[in-house]
Amino acid sequence: MDEHVRVTVSSKYQVIIPLKIRTALNTHPGDKLDIVPYKNRLVLIPLRNIKDMRCFLKGMETTIERDDDRMV
């Protein structure tokens, strides 16, 4: 999702995350977000419960080629 969205900071420094973005990120009331300042912008990173992450890499290719000097 590379869609530009403009929001307004309230007098209480609150921001409403638009529905399109909440839906795309599967964000719900009570979810936690990390806010990271990066090059004069704010990046919101949804924090997920570790139990929700179970099997999210299922089927991922895990064999990699290693240099001989890295083999144990």
N, C-alpha and C. Protein backbone atom coordinates (compact mmCIF):
# COMPACT_ATOMS: atom_id res chain seq x y z
N MET A 1 0.85 -1.17 0.00
CA MET A 1 0.00 0.00 0.00
C MET A 1 0.89 1.24 0.00
N ASP A 2 0.93 1.94 -1.10
CA ASP A 2 1.71 3.17 -1.20
C ASP A 2 0.81 4.36 -1.42
N GLU A 3 -0.33 4.35 -0.76
CA GLU A 3 -1.31 5.40 -0.96
C GLU A 3 -1.04 6.56 0.00
N HIS A 4 -1.07 7.77 -0.52
CA HIS A 4 -0.86 8.96 0.30
C HIS A 4 -2.16 9.31 1.02
N VAL A 5 -2.08 9.49 2.32
CA VAL A 5 -3.24 9.85 3.12
C VAL A 5 -2.85 11.01 4.03
N ARG A 6 -3.71 12.02 4.11
CA ARG A 6 -3.44 13.17 4.97
C ARG A 6 -4.38 13.13 6.16
N VAL A 7 -3.83 13.30 7.36
CA VAL A 7 -4.63 13.36 8.58
C VAL A 7 -4.26 14.64 9.33
N THR A 8 -5.05 14.98 10.35
CA THR A 8 -4.83 16.18 11.14
C THR A 8 -4.54 15.79 12.58
N VAL A 9 -3.57 16.43 13.19
CA VAL A 9 -3.27 16.22 14.60
C VAL A 9 -4.23 17.07 15.40
N SER A 10 -4.94 16.45 16.35
CA SER A 10 -5.92 17.18 17.17
C SER A 10 -5.22 18.01 18.24
N SER A 11 -6.00 18.81 18.97
CA SER A 11 -5.43 19.63 20.05
C SER A 11 -4.86 18.76 21.16
N LYS A 12 -5.26 17.49 21.22
CA LYS A 12 -4.72 16.53 22.20
C LYS A 12 -3.60 15.69 21.57
N TYR A 13 -3.12 16.09 20.40
CA TYR A 13 -2.05 15.40 19.68
C TYR A 13 -2.46 13.99 19.28
N GLN A 14 -3.73 13.80 18.97
CA GLN A 14 -4.22 12.51 18.50
C GLN A 14 -4.40 12.54 17.00
N VAL A 15 -4.27 11.38 16.38
CA VAL A 15 -4.44 11.24 14.94
C VAL A 15 -5.38 10.07 14.69
N ILE A 16 -6.30 10.23 13.77
CA ILE A 16 -7.20 9.14 13.40
C ILE A 16 -6.62 8.43 12.19
N ILE A 17 -6.47 7.12 12.32
CA ILE A 17 -5.96 6.32 11.21
C ILE A 17 -7.15 6.00 10.30
N PRO A 18 -7.11 6.41 9.04
CA PRO A 18 -8.24 6.19 8.14
C PRO A 18 -8.60 4.71 7.97
N LEU A 19 -9.87 4.46 7.69
CA LEU A 19 -10.40 3.11 7.58
C LEU A 19 -9.63 2.25 6.58
N LYS A 20 -9.29 2.80 5.42
CA LYS A 20 -8.55 2.02 4.41
C LYS A 20 -7.25 1.46 4.98
N ILE A 21 -6.56 2.27 5.76
CA ILE A 21 -5.28 1.84 6.32
C ILE A 21 -5.50 0.87 7.46
N ARG A 22 -6.48 1.15 8.32
CA ARG A 22 -6.78 0.22 9.42
C ARG A 22 -7.15 -1.15 8.87
N THR A 23 -7.92 -1.17 7.80
CA THR A 23 -8.34 -2.44 7.19
C THR A 23 -7.15 -3.15 6.57
N ALA A 24 -6.33 -2.43 5.83
CA ALA A 24 -5.17 -3.04 5.17
C ALA A 24 -4.18 -3.62 6.18
N LEU A 25 -4.05 -2.97 7.33
CA LEU A 25 -3.10 -3.44 8.34
C LEU A 25 -3.76 -4.32 9.39
N ASN A 26 -5.07 -4.57 9.23
CA ASN A 26 -5.82 -5.40 10.19
C ASN A 26 -5.63 -4.89 11.62
N THR A 27 -5.79 -3.57 11.79
CA THR A 27 -5.61 -2.91 13.08
C THR A 27 -6.96 -2.70 13.74
N HIS A 28 -7.01 -2.94 15.06
CA HIS A 28 -8.26 -2.84 15.82
C HIS A 28 -8.03 -2.01 17.08
N PRO A 29 -9.12 -1.48 17.68
CA PRO A 29 -8.97 -0.72 18.94
C PRO A 29 -8.22 -1.55 19.98
N GLY A 30 -7.28 -0.92 20.64
CA GLY A 30 -6.49 -1.60 21.66
C GLY A 30 -5.17 -2.16 21.13
N ASP A 31 -5.02 -2.25 19.80
CA ASP A 31 -3.75 -2.72 19.23
C ASP A 31 -2.65 -1.72 19.57
N LYS A 32 -1.45 -2.22 19.69
CA LYS A 32 -0.28 -1.38 19.99
C LYS A 32 0.48 -1.08 18.71
N LEU A 33 1.01 0.14 18.62
CA LEU A 33 1.84 0.56 17.49
C LEU A 33 3.13 1.16 18.03
N ASP A 34 4.23 0.86 17.42
CA ASP A 34 5.48 1.58 17.68
C ASP A 34 5.50 2.76 16.72
N ILE A 35 5.96 3.91 17.20
CA ILE A 35 6.14 5.08 16.34
C ILE A 35 7.63 5.37 16.31
N VAL A 36 8.19 5.36 15.10
CA VAL A 36 9.62 5.55 14.93
C VAL A 36 9.85 6.79 14.07
N PRO A 37 10.59 7.78 14.60
CA PRO A 37 10.95 8.92 13.75
C PRO A 37 12.03 8.48 12.77
N TYR A 38 11.84 8.82 11.49
CA TYR A 38 12.80 8.41 10.47
C TYR A 38 12.85 9.47 9.38
N LYS A 39 14.00 10.12 9.26
CA LYS A 39 14.22 11.13 8.23
C LYS A 39 13.06 12.12 8.13
N ASN A 40 12.77 12.79 9.23
CA ASN A 40 11.75 13.84 9.28
C ASN A 40 10.34 13.33 9.01
N ARG A 41 10.07 12.06 9.35
CA ARG A 41 8.73 11.51 9.23
C ARG A 41 8.49 10.53 10.36
N LEU A 42 7.26 10.14 10.55
CA LEU A 42 6.91 9.15 11.57
C LEU A 42 6.49 7.87 10.89
N VAL A 43 7.00 6.76 11.35
CA VAL A 43 6.65 5.45 10.82
C VAL A 43 5.88 4.71 11.91
N LEU A 44 4.68 4.23 11.59
CA LEU A 44 3.87 3.46 12.52
C LEU A 44 4.06 1.99 12.23
N ILE A 45 4.43 1.22 13.26
CA ILE A 45 4.68 -0.20 13.08
C ILE A 45 3.74 -0.98 14.00
N PRO A 46 2.79 -1.72 13.43
CA PRO A 46 1.88 -2.51 14.27
C PRO A 46 2.65 -3.59 15.03
N LEU A 47 2.39 -3.71 16.32
CA LEU A 47 2.99 -4.76 17.13
C LEU A 47 2.02 -5.91 17.18
N ARG A 48 2.50 -7.09 16.92
CA ARG A 48 1.65 -8.28 16.90
C ARG A 48 2.02 -9.19 18.06
N ASN A 49 1.02 -9.85 18.60
CA ASN A 49 1.23 -10.84 19.64
C ASN A 49 2.02 -11.99 19.04
N ILE A 50 3.00 -12.47 19.76
CA ILE A 50 3.86 -13.53 19.24
C ILE A 50 3.05 -14.78 18.89
N LYS A 51 1.97 -15.03 19.61
CA LYS A 51 1.12 -16.19 19.30
C LYS A 51 0.44 -16.02 17.95
N ASP A 52 0.13 -14.78 17.57
CA ASP A 52 -0.49 -14.52 16.26
C ASP A 52 0.50 -14.76 15.12
N MET A 53 1.79 -14.75 15.41
CA MET A 53 2.81 -14.93 14.39
C MET A 53 3.07 -16.40 14.07
N ARG A 54 2.49 -17.28 14.85
CA ARG A 54 2.73 -18.71 14.67
C ARG A 54 2.35 -19.15 13.25
N CYS A 55 3.24 -19.80 12.59
CA CYS A 55 3.05 -20.38 11.25
C CYS A 55 2.95 -19.34 10.14
N PHE A 56 3.26 -18.07 10.40
CA PHE A 56 3.13 -17.09 9.33
C PHE A 56 4.20 -17.24 8.26
N LEU A 57 5.24 -18.00 8.53
CA LEU A 57 6.27 -18.28 7.53
C LEU A 57 6.16 -19.69 6.97
N LYS A 58 5.05 -20.34 7.24
CA LYS A 58 4.86 -21.72 6.79
C LYS A 58 5.04 -21.80 5.28
N GLY A 59 5.83 -22.77 4.86
CA GLY A 59 6.08 -22.96 3.43
C GLY A 59 7.26 -22.15 2.89
N MET A 60 7.87 -21.33 3.74
CA MET A 60 9.00 -20.53 3.30
C MET A 60 10.22 -21.43 3.05
N GLU A 61 10.93 -21.16 1.98
CA GLU A 61 12.14 -21.91 1.66
C GLU A 61 13.21 -21.59 2.70
N THR A 62 13.73 -22.61 3.37
CA THR A 62 14.71 -22.38 4.44
C THR A 62 16.10 -22.93 4.14
N THR A 63 16.25 -23.56 3.00
CA THR A 63 17.58 -24.05 2.65
C THR A 63 18.35 -22.92 1.98
N ILE A 64 19.55 -22.70 2.45
CA ILE A 64 20.39 -21.66 1.87
C ILE A 64 21.78 -22.24 1.60
N GLU A 65 22.44 -21.68 0.62
CA GLU A 65 23.81 -22.10 0.35
C GLU A 65 24.74 -21.37 1.30
N ARG A 66 25.67 -22.09 1.86
CA ARG A 66 26.62 -21.50 2.80
C ARG A 66 28.04 -21.68 2.26
N ASP A 67 28.87 -20.72 2.55
CA ASP A 67 30.28 -20.85 2.21
C ASP A 67 30.87 -21.96 3.06
N ASP A 68 31.86 -22.68 2.51
CA ASP A 68 32.47 -23.81 3.22
C ASP A 68 33.01 -23.40 4.58
N ASP A 69 33.56 -22.18 4.68
CA ASP A 69 34.14 -21.77 5.97
C ASP A 69 33.08 -21.42 7.01
N ARG A 70 31.81 -21.44 6.62
CA ARG A 70 30.71 -21.14 7.57
C ARG A 70 30.01 -22.39 8.05
N MET A 71 30.42 -23.54 7.53
CA MET A 71 29.80 -24.80 7.93
C MET A 71 30.35 -25.25 9.27
N VAL A 72 29.50 -25.76 10.10
CA VAL A 72 29.92 -26.23 11.42
C VAL A 72 29.81 -27.73 11.47
